[in-house]
Amino acid sequence: MEATPKRVLLIEDDEKLRHLLAEALEAEGYVVGQAGTGEEGLRVAQAFEPVVVVCDVKMPRGDGRSVLAALRGDKRLGTTQFVFMTGDVQATPQRESMNLGADDYLEKPFSTADFLACVAARFARAEVLRKADERALTRLSATVTKELPHELFTPLTGIIGLAEVLLEEGEELDRKVAREMIEGIRASGDRLNRTLRNYLTILELINDRPPARDPEAHLDAEMVRVVVMEAATTAAQKSRRETDLRIKGDGFALTTSRNNLSAVVVELVDNACKFSEAGTPVEVSLRGDGHHLRLEVADRGRGMSAEQISQIGAFRQFDRNKYEQQGLGLGLTLTQHLVERDGGTVSLASSPETGTTAVATWPAVHEVG
């Protein structure tokens, strides 16, 4: 595994200090880039791609704050380790610097030893983050390679196979049999569509490009109740579990979109149906306490251990070699994202062989009039 390249960018308008610091870094084996203004520092950063930036706060043509803001907004350089250094502590206190997004802070004057220790600590942190990212990408790539073709080709095979039978033997088939085949094509199409939609949404999350939240989105209490009922029923019908569905409770006004709330309910009810036996209840409960709206979806399925719950993530399913499962296991990840984007939380309570209860909680909205 290749180590993180030891590139440091110094942005400091005091030329003498900058050269002294550069010499100290080079003596320790670092590759050093230099700039005397904020504007120049940003240009050098684009070409040099430093792992660590050490930047003065007060400089001509772009101070340290503007440099930090520009780097954090850059997709390629946004995670660069950033260290502020300043001789005016009152104007730029440490807490303010950290709140701006800096990773560390050096108060002038400082010793060469303190400076080198600070840079070394930032490189150590960058290396930890790099290794974590590599492990995550490796696991993601391996899982996608293994599971995605199955999840795409299985429903696609169903669509093509049933369609070919209908084309070749349609006139000879019993009407009931033909209808069952058409329903099979539709079910396979729905499964393929959902897999692709969930997969693309996860890619958006991985690349930090979540859809923007609509600040005007708002549902009144009655609409919340209607959306939950319709979405839960739709999900149960697709699993042919509508007779197992139990819905109770009343809604509270909620700041979210109809599509978001519907997607959350569909995912939670679909999971409950998927991981429990037909004939056992799937209970959907909706209630508010004046401060929060709480949606609970409970099943009586095989459940999960505490360790499995703690490891829930995208493209991960448990005991796949033991249980046939449809989907990539993205439902809970997507649900968590949608709820948290609207200011809420998602939690799970479960134990093996007793069932699972998923809980989504949002801040309630008090309607006027």
Protein backbone atom coordinates (compact mmCIF):
# COMPACT_ATOMS: atom_id res chain seq x y z
CA MET A 1 0.00 0.00 0.00
CA GLU A 2 1.56 3.27 -1.13
CA ALA A 3 2.06 5.80 1.66
CA THR A 4 0.57 9.27 1.51
CA PRO A 5 2.94 11.59 -0.43
CA LYS A 6 4.60 14.05 1.93
CA ARG A 7 3.55 17.29 0.24
CA VAL A 8 3.17 20.44 2.35
CA LEU A 9 2.06 23.86 1.12
CA LEU A 10 3.24 26.91 3.11
CA ILE A 11 1.23 30.09 2.58
CA GLU A 12 2.93 32.93 4.45
CA ASP A 13 3.60 36.55 3.44
CA ASP A 14 6.68 36.78 5.68
CA GLU A 15 9.26 35.52 3.20
CA LYS A 16 11.99 34.93 5.77
CA LEU A 17 9.75 32.86 8.05
CA ARG A 18 8.37 30.92 5.08
CA HIS A 19 11.84 29.92 3.88
CA LEU A 20 12.91 28.89 7.40
CA LEU A 21 9.87 26.67 7.77
CA ALA A 22 10.38 25.21 4.29
CA GLU A 23 13.98 24.32 5.09
CA ALA A 24 12.91 22.59 8.31
CA LEU A 25 10.32 20.55 6.43
CA GLU A 26 12.67 19.59 3.62
CA ALA A 27 15.23 18.41 6.17
CA GLU A 28 12.56 15.96 7.41
CA GLY A 29 11.90 14.64 3.90
CA TYR A 30 8.80 16.68 3.03
CA VAL A 31 8.20 18.10 -0.46
CA VAL A 32 7.33 21.76 0.04
CA GLY A 33 5.34 24.24 -2.02
CA GLN A 34 5.35 27.95 -1.17
CA ALA A 35 3.13 30.97 -1.70
CA GLY A 36 3.22 34.55 -0.35
CA THR A 37 -0.46 35.48 -0.78
CA GLY A 38 -3.81 33.76 -0.50
CA GLU A 39 -4.46 34.05 -4.24
CA GLU A 40 -1.10 32.54 -5.08
CA GLY A 41 -1.62 29.83 -2.47
CA LEU A 42 -4.85 28.67 -4.14
CA ARG A 43 -3.16 28.52 -7.55
CA VAL A 44 -0.26 26.50 -6.14
CA ALA A 45 -2.66 24.17 -4.30
CA GLN A 46 -4.47 23.27 -7.53
CA ALA A 47 -1.24 22.20 -9.22
CA PHE A 48 0.65 20.87 -6.17
CA GLU A 49 -2.22 18.97 -4.47
CA PRO A 50 -0.80 19.20 -0.94
CA VAL A 51 -1.72 16.78 1.80
CA VAL A 52 -1.20 19.48 4.43
CA VAL A 53 -1.59 23.25 4.10
CA VAL A 54 -0.06 25.56 6.72
CA CYS A 55 -1.47 29.03 6.20
CA ASP A 56 -1.10 32.43 7.83
CA VAL A 57 -4.37 34.18 8.70
CA LYS A 58 -3.59 37.79 7.75
CA MET A 59 -2.12 38.18 4.26
CA PRO A 60 -2.53 40.45 1.26
CA ARG A 61 -4.76 39.38 -1.65
CA GLY A 62 -6.71 36.66 0.08
CA ASP A 63 -6.43 35.99 3.79
CA GLY A 64 -6.30 32.57 5.46
CA ARG A 65 -10.07 32.41 5.97
CA SER A 66 -10.77 32.81 2.25
CA VAL A 67 -8.12 30.20 1.41
CA LEU A 68 -9.69 27.71 3.82
CA ALA A 69 -13.20 28.37 2.48
CA ALA A 70 -12.02 27.89 -1.11
CA LEU A 71 -10.26 24.63 -0.33
CA ARG A 72 -13.21 23.21 1.61
CA GLY A 73 -15.45 24.00 -1.35
CA ASP A 74 -13.12 22.26 -3.82
CA LYS A 75 -14.17 18.67 -4.55
CA ARG A 76 -10.57 17.54 -5.15
CA LEU A 77 -8.93 19.40 -2.25
CA GLY A 78 -11.80 19.57 0.23
CA THR A 79 -10.31 17.05 2.68
CA THR A 80 -6.81 18.59 2.74
CA GLN A 81 -5.44 18.88 6.28
CA PHE A 82 -5.37 22.62 7.09
CA VAL A 83 -3.39 24.41 9.80
CA PHE A 84 -3.86 28.09 10.68
CA MET A 85 -0.93 30.05 12.07
CA THR A 86 -1.28 33.56 13.47
CA GLY A 87 0.44 36.10 15.67
CA ASP A 88 -2.80 37.90 16.46
CA VAL A 89 -4.55 35.50 18.80
CA GLN A 90 -7.21 37.99 19.85
CA ALA A 91 -8.29 38.62 16.25
CA THR A 92 -8.33 34.91 15.40
CA PRO A 93 -8.78 32.78 18.53
CA GLN A 94 -8.25 29.03 18.29
CA ARG A 95 -11.92 28.15 18.76
CA GLU A 96 -12.95 30.43 15.89
CA SER A 97 -10.30 28.86 13.66
CA MET A 98 -11.58 25.37 14.36
CA ASN A 99 -15.16 26.48 13.79
CA LEU A 100 -14.10 27.73 10.36
CA GLY A 101 -12.99 24.19 9.52
CA ALA A 102 -9.29 24.23 10.32
CA ASP A 103 -7.74 20.96 11.51
CA ASP A 104 -5.08 22.55 13.72
CA TYR A 105 -3.77 25.90 14.98
CA LEU A 106 -0.31 27.34 15.62
CA GLU A 107 0.16 30.48 17.67
CA LYS A 108 3.18 32.61 16.70
CA PRO A 109 5.88 32.55 17.83
CA PHE A 110 6.29 28.77 17.85
CA SER A 111 9.34 26.53 17.92
CA THR A 112 10.55 24.49 14.98
CA ALA A 113 9.91 21.33 17.01
CA ASP A 114 6.27 22.32 17.66
CA PHE A 115 5.82 23.19 13.98
CA LEU A 116 7.21 19.85 12.77
CA ALA A 117 5.19 17.94 15.36
CA CYS A 118 2.02 19.68 14.17
CA VAL A 119 2.70 18.83 10.51
CA ALA A 120 3.58 15.23 11.40
CA ALA A 121 0.31 14.87 13.31
CA ARG A 122 -1.64 16.18 10.32
CA PHE A 123 0.08 13.66 8.02
CA ALA A 124 -0.70 10.85 10.44
CA ARG A 125 -4.34 11.89 10.40
CA ALA A 126 -4.38 12.08 6.59
CA GLU A 127 -2.89 8.59 6.39
CA VAL A 128 -5.57 7.16 8.69
CA LEU A 129 -8.31 8.74 6.58
CA ARG A 130 -6.72 7.49 3.35
CA LYS A 131 -6.53 3.91 4.62
CA ALA A 132 -10.13 4.07 5.82
CA ASP A 133 -11.27 5.32 2.41
CA GLU A 134 -9.32 2.58 0.63
CA ARG A 135 -10.85 -0.13 2.81
CA ALA A 136 -14.34 1.25 2.23
CA LEU A 137 -13.86 1.49 -1.53
CA THR A 138 -12.36 -2.01 -1.66
CA ARG A 139 -15.31 -3.49 0.22
CA LEU A 140 -17.76 -1.48 -1.86
CA SER A 141 -16.15 -2.52 -5.15
CA ALA A 142 -15.99 -6.18 -4.13
CA THR A 143 -19.62 -6.19 -3.00
CA VAL A 144 -20.91 -4.38 -6.06
CA THR A 145 -18.97 -6.75 -8.34
CA LYS A 146 -20.39 -9.76 -6.53
CA GLU A 147 -23.94 -8.68 -5.83
CA LEU A 148 -24.94 -6.09 -8.41
CA PRO A 149 -24.97 -8.41 -11.47
CA HIS A 150 -27.20 -10.87 -9.60
CA GLU A 151 -29.59 -8.12 -8.58
CA LEU A 152 -29.74 -6.70 -12.10
CA PHE A 153 -29.76 -9.87 -14.15
CA THR A 154 -32.22 -11.87 -12.05
CA PRO A 155 -35.20 -9.55 -12.69
CA LEU A 156 -34.00 -8.86 -16.23
CA THR A 157 -33.95 -12.59 -16.95
CA GLY A 158 -37.47 -12.84 -15.60
CA ILE A 159 -38.68 -10.02 -17.85
CA ILE A 160 -37.06 -11.43 -21.00
CA GLY A 161 -37.99 -15.05 -20.30
CA LEU A 162 -41.66 -14.38 -19.55
CA ALA A 163 -41.96 -12.00 -22.49
CA GLU A 164 -40.54 -14.63 -24.87
CA VAL A 165 -43.03 -17.22 -23.65
CA LEU A 166 -45.89 -14.80 -24.19
CA LEU A 167 -44.66 -13.94 -27.69
CA GLU A 168 -44.17 -17.56 -28.72
CA GLU A 169 -47.11 -19.25 -26.98
CA GLY A 170 -49.41 -16.38 -26.07
CA GLU A 171 -52.30 -17.48 -28.26
CA GLU A 172 -52.27 -20.97 -26.77
CA LEU A 173 -51.95 -19.97 -23.13
CA ASP A 174 -54.82 -19.98 -20.68
CA ARG A 175 -55.92 -16.42 -19.90
CA LYS A 176 -55.17 -16.85 -16.19
CA VAL A 177 -51.66 -18.19 -16.91
CA ALA A 178 -50.98 -15.33 -19.32
CA ARG A 179 -52.09 -12.79 -16.74
CA GLU A 180 -49.79 -14.35 -14.13
CA MET A 181 -46.90 -14.02 -16.57
CA ILE A 182 -47.72 -10.37 -17.20
CA GLU A 183 -47.82 -9.77 -13.46
CA GLY A 184 -44.44 -11.49 -13.20
CA ILE A 185 -43.00 -9.15 -15.83
CA ARG A 186 -44.32 -6.15 -13.98
CA ALA A 187 -42.95 -7.39 -10.64
CA SER A 188 -39.54 -8.03 -12.19
CA GLY A 189 -39.60 -4.59 -13.77
CA ASP A 190 -40.48 -2.97 -10.47
CA ARG A 191 -37.64 -4.83 -8.76
CA LEU A 192 -35.13 -3.82 -11.45
CA ASN A 193 -36.29 -0.21 -11.37
CA ARG A 194 -36.00 -0.05 -7.61
CA THR A 195 -32.54 -1.64 -7.59
CA LEU A 196 -31.25 0.86 -10.15
CA ARG A 197 -32.87 3.81 -8.35
CA ASN A 198 -31.41 2.82 -5.00
CA TYR A 199 -28.02 2.12 -6.51
CA LEU A 200 -27.86 5.53 -8.21
CA THR A 201 -28.95 7.26 -5.00
CA ILE A 202 -26.19 5.52 -3.08
CA LEU A 203 -23.67 6.68 -5.68
CA GLU A 204 -24.91 10.23 -5.10
CA LEU A 205 -24.34 9.82 -1.38
CA ILE A 206 -20.85 8.38 -1.90
CA ASN A 207 -19.94 11.33 -4.09
CA ASP A 208 -21.45 13.86 -1.66
CA ARG A 209 -24.08 14.95 -4.12
CA PRO A 210 -27.37 14.38 -2.29
CA PRO A 211 -30.45 15.95 -3.83
CA ALA A 212 -31.18 19.36 -2.38
CA ARG A 213 -33.87 19.52 0.25
CA ASP A 214 -36.89 21.60 -0.69
CA PRO A 215 -37.20 24.30 2.01
CA GLU A 216 -40.87 24.80 1.13
CA ALA A 217 -41.81 21.14 1.60
CA HIS A 218 -44.57 20.78 4.21
CA LEU A 219 -47.25 18.21 4.94
CA ASP A 220 -50.19 18.81 7.25
CA ALA A 221 -51.30 16.16 9.74
CA GLU A 222 -53.98 14.67 7.51
CA MET A 223 -51.65 14.45 4.51
CA VAL A 224 -49.00 12.71 6.65
CA ARG A 225 -51.57 10.11 7.69
CA VAL A 226 -52.73 9.60 4.07
CA VAL A 227 -49.19 9.29 2.69
CA VAL A 228 -48.20 6.76 5.34
CA MET A 229 -51.32 4.68 4.73
CA GLU A 230 -50.94 4.72 0.93
CA ALA A 231 -47.21 3.98 0.94
CA ALA A 232 -47.48 1.18 3.50
CA THR A 233 -50.34 -0.43 1.58
CA THR A 234 -48.44 -0.20 -1.71
CA ALA A 235 -45.35 -1.85 -0.21
CA ALA A 236 -47.40 -4.63 1.42
CA GLN A 237 -49.33 -5.32 -1.79
CA LYS A 238 -46.11 -5.77 -3.78
CA SER A 239 -45.13 -8.50 -1.32
CA ARG A 240 -48.69 -9.87 -1.28
CA ARG A 241 -48.78 -9.15 2.46
CA GLU A 242 -51.64 -6.64 2.60
CA THR A 243 -53.62 -8.91 4.90
CA ASP A 244 -50.67 -8.88 7.35
CA LEU A 245 -50.51 -5.07 7.48
CA ARG A 246 -51.70 -3.24 10.59
CA ILE A 247 -51.77 0.58 10.52
CA LYS A 248 -52.68 2.76 13.47
CA GLY A 249 -52.18 6.25 14.82
CA ASP A 250 -52.60 9.84 13.64
CA GLY A 251 -50.21 12.20 11.92
CA PHE A 252 -48.66 15.49 12.95
CA ALA A 253 -47.62 18.24 10.55
CA LEU A 254 -44.17 17.57 9.15
CA THR A 255 -41.56 19.49 7.19
CA THR A 256 -40.74 17.07 4.38
CA SER A 257 -41.93 16.28 0.89
CA ARG A 258 -44.59 13.74 0.04
CA ASN A 259 -42.07 11.78 -2.04
CA ASN A 260 -39.54 11.62 0.82
CA LEU A 261 -42.06 10.43 3.39
CA SER A 262 -43.52 7.90 0.96
CA ALA A 263 -40.05 6.54 0.13
CA VAL A 264 -39.22 6.10 3.83
CA VAL A 265 -42.44 4.25 4.55
CA VAL A 266 -42.11 2.03 1.46
CA GLU A 267 -38.54 1.06 2.36
CA LEU A 268 -39.35 0.25 5.99
CA VAL A 269 -42.50 -1.72 5.22
CA ASP A 270 -40.80 -3.52 2.33
CA ASN A 271 -37.95 -4.58 4.63
CA ALA A 272 -40.43 -5.77 7.25
CA CYS A 273 -42.25 -7.86 4.64
CA LYS A 274 -39.03 -9.16 3.13
CA PHE A 275 -37.54 -10.38 6.40
CA SER A 276 -40.62 -11.91 8.00
CA GLU A 277 -42.88 -14.80 7.10
CA ALA A 278 -46.22 -14.33 5.35
CA GLY A 279 -49.03 -14.61 7.86
CA THR A 280 -47.16 -12.74 10.59
CA PRO A 281 -48.12 -9.14 11.32
CA VAL A 282 -46.35 -6.07 9.94
CA GLU A 283 -47.33 -3.22 12.25
CA VAL A 284 -47.09 0.44 11.24
CA SER A 285 -47.59 2.93 14.05
CA LEU A 286 -47.71 6.71 13.66
CA ARG A 287 -47.90 9.05 16.62
CA GLY A 288 -46.75 12.44 17.84
CA ASP A 289 -46.07 13.86 21.28
CA GLY A 290 -46.29 17.54 20.33
CA HIS A 291 -42.55 17.74 19.73
CA HIS A 292 -41.80 14.81 17.45
CA LEU A 293 -43.53 12.62 14.90
CA ARG A 294 -42.61 8.96 15.37
CA LEU A 295 -43.10 6.28 12.73
CA GLU A 296 -42.59 2.67 13.84
CA VAL A 297 -42.58 -0.37 11.56
CA ALA A 298 -42.37 -3.70 13.39
CA ASP A 299 -42.17 -7.26 12.10
CA ARG A 300 -41.94 -10.71 13.69
CA GLY A 301 -39.11 -11.93 11.48
CA ARG A 302 -35.67 -13.37 12.12
CA GLY A 303 -34.26 -10.10 13.50
CA MET A 304 -30.67 -8.95 13.81
CA SER A 305 -28.04 -8.98 16.51
CA ALA A 306 -26.71 -5.79 18.08
CA GLU A 307 -23.45 -6.30 16.20
CA GLN A 308 -25.24 -6.58 12.87
CA ILE A 309 -27.22 -3.41 13.56
CA SER A 310 -24.03 -1.51 14.36
CA GLN A 311 -22.50 -2.59 11.05
CA ILE A 312 -25.39 -1.64 8.79
CA GLY A 313 -24.13 0.12 5.68
CA ALA A 314 -24.63 0.42 1.95
CA PHE A 315 -24.36 -2.76 -0.16
CA ARG A 316 -24.36 -4.97 2.95
CA GLN A 317 -26.73 -7.81 3.76
CA PHE A 318 -26.34 -10.35 6.51
CA ASP A 319 -26.52 -14.13 6.04
CA ARG A 320 -27.06 -13.81 2.31
CA ASN A 321 -25.72 -17.34 1.79
CA LYS A 322 -28.39 -18.61 4.18
CA TYR A 323 -31.40 -16.51 3.20
CA GLU A 324 -32.53 -15.56 -0.28
CA GLN A 325 -32.85 -11.78 -0.32
CA GLN A 326 -33.98 -9.44 -3.03
CA GLY A 327 -32.27 -6.07 -3.29
CA LEU A 328 -28.85 -4.74 -2.37
CA GLY A 329 -29.65 -4.02 1.26
CA LEU A 330 -29.75 -0.27 0.57
CA GLY A 331 -33.16 0.43 2.06
CA LEU A 332 -32.06 1.37 5.56
CA THR A 333 -29.15 3.46 4.28
CA LEU A 334 -31.47 5.42 2.01
CA THR A 335 -34.07 5.78 4.73
CA GLN A 336 -31.52 7.15 7.17
CA HIS A 337 -30.33 9.69 4.62
CA LEU A 338 -33.82 10.92 3.77
CA VAL A 339 -34.91 11.24 7.39
CA GLU A 340 -31.72 12.95 8.56
CA ARG A 341 -31.93 15.43 5.68
CA ASP A 342 -35.27 16.53 7.12
CA GLY A 343 -33.84 16.89 10.62
CA GLY A 344 -34.84 13.48 11.97
CA THR A 345 -33.23 10.25 13.11
CA VAL A 346 -33.57 6.53 12.41
CA SER A 347 -32.99 3.71 14.88
CA LEU A 348 -33.45 -0.05 15.04
CA ALA A 349 -34.41 -2.35 17.88
CA SER A 350 -34.02 -6.04 17.17
CA SER A 351 -32.89 -9.40 18.44
CA PRO A 352 -32.46 -12.69 16.55
CA GLU A 353 -35.62 -14.69 15.88
CA THR A 354 -37.93 -12.18 17.60
CA GLY A 355 -38.30 -9.47 14.99
CA THR A 356 -37.21 -5.93 14.24
CA THR A 357 -38.71 -2.52 14.93
CA ALA A 358 -37.50 0.38 12.79
CA VAL A 359 -38.20 3.86 14.16
CA ALA A 360 -38.04 7.10 12.19
CA THR A 361 -38.46 10.30 14.19
CA TRP A 362 -38.89 13.84 12.83
CA PRO A 363 -39.38 17.20 14.57
CA ALA A 364 -43.09 18.00 14.64
CA VAL A 365 -44.39 21.20 13.06
CA HIS A 366 -47.06 23.19 14.89
CA GLU A 367 -49.68 24.35 12.42
CA VAL A 368 -51.05 27.86 12.75
CA GLY A 369 -54.74 28.48 12.58
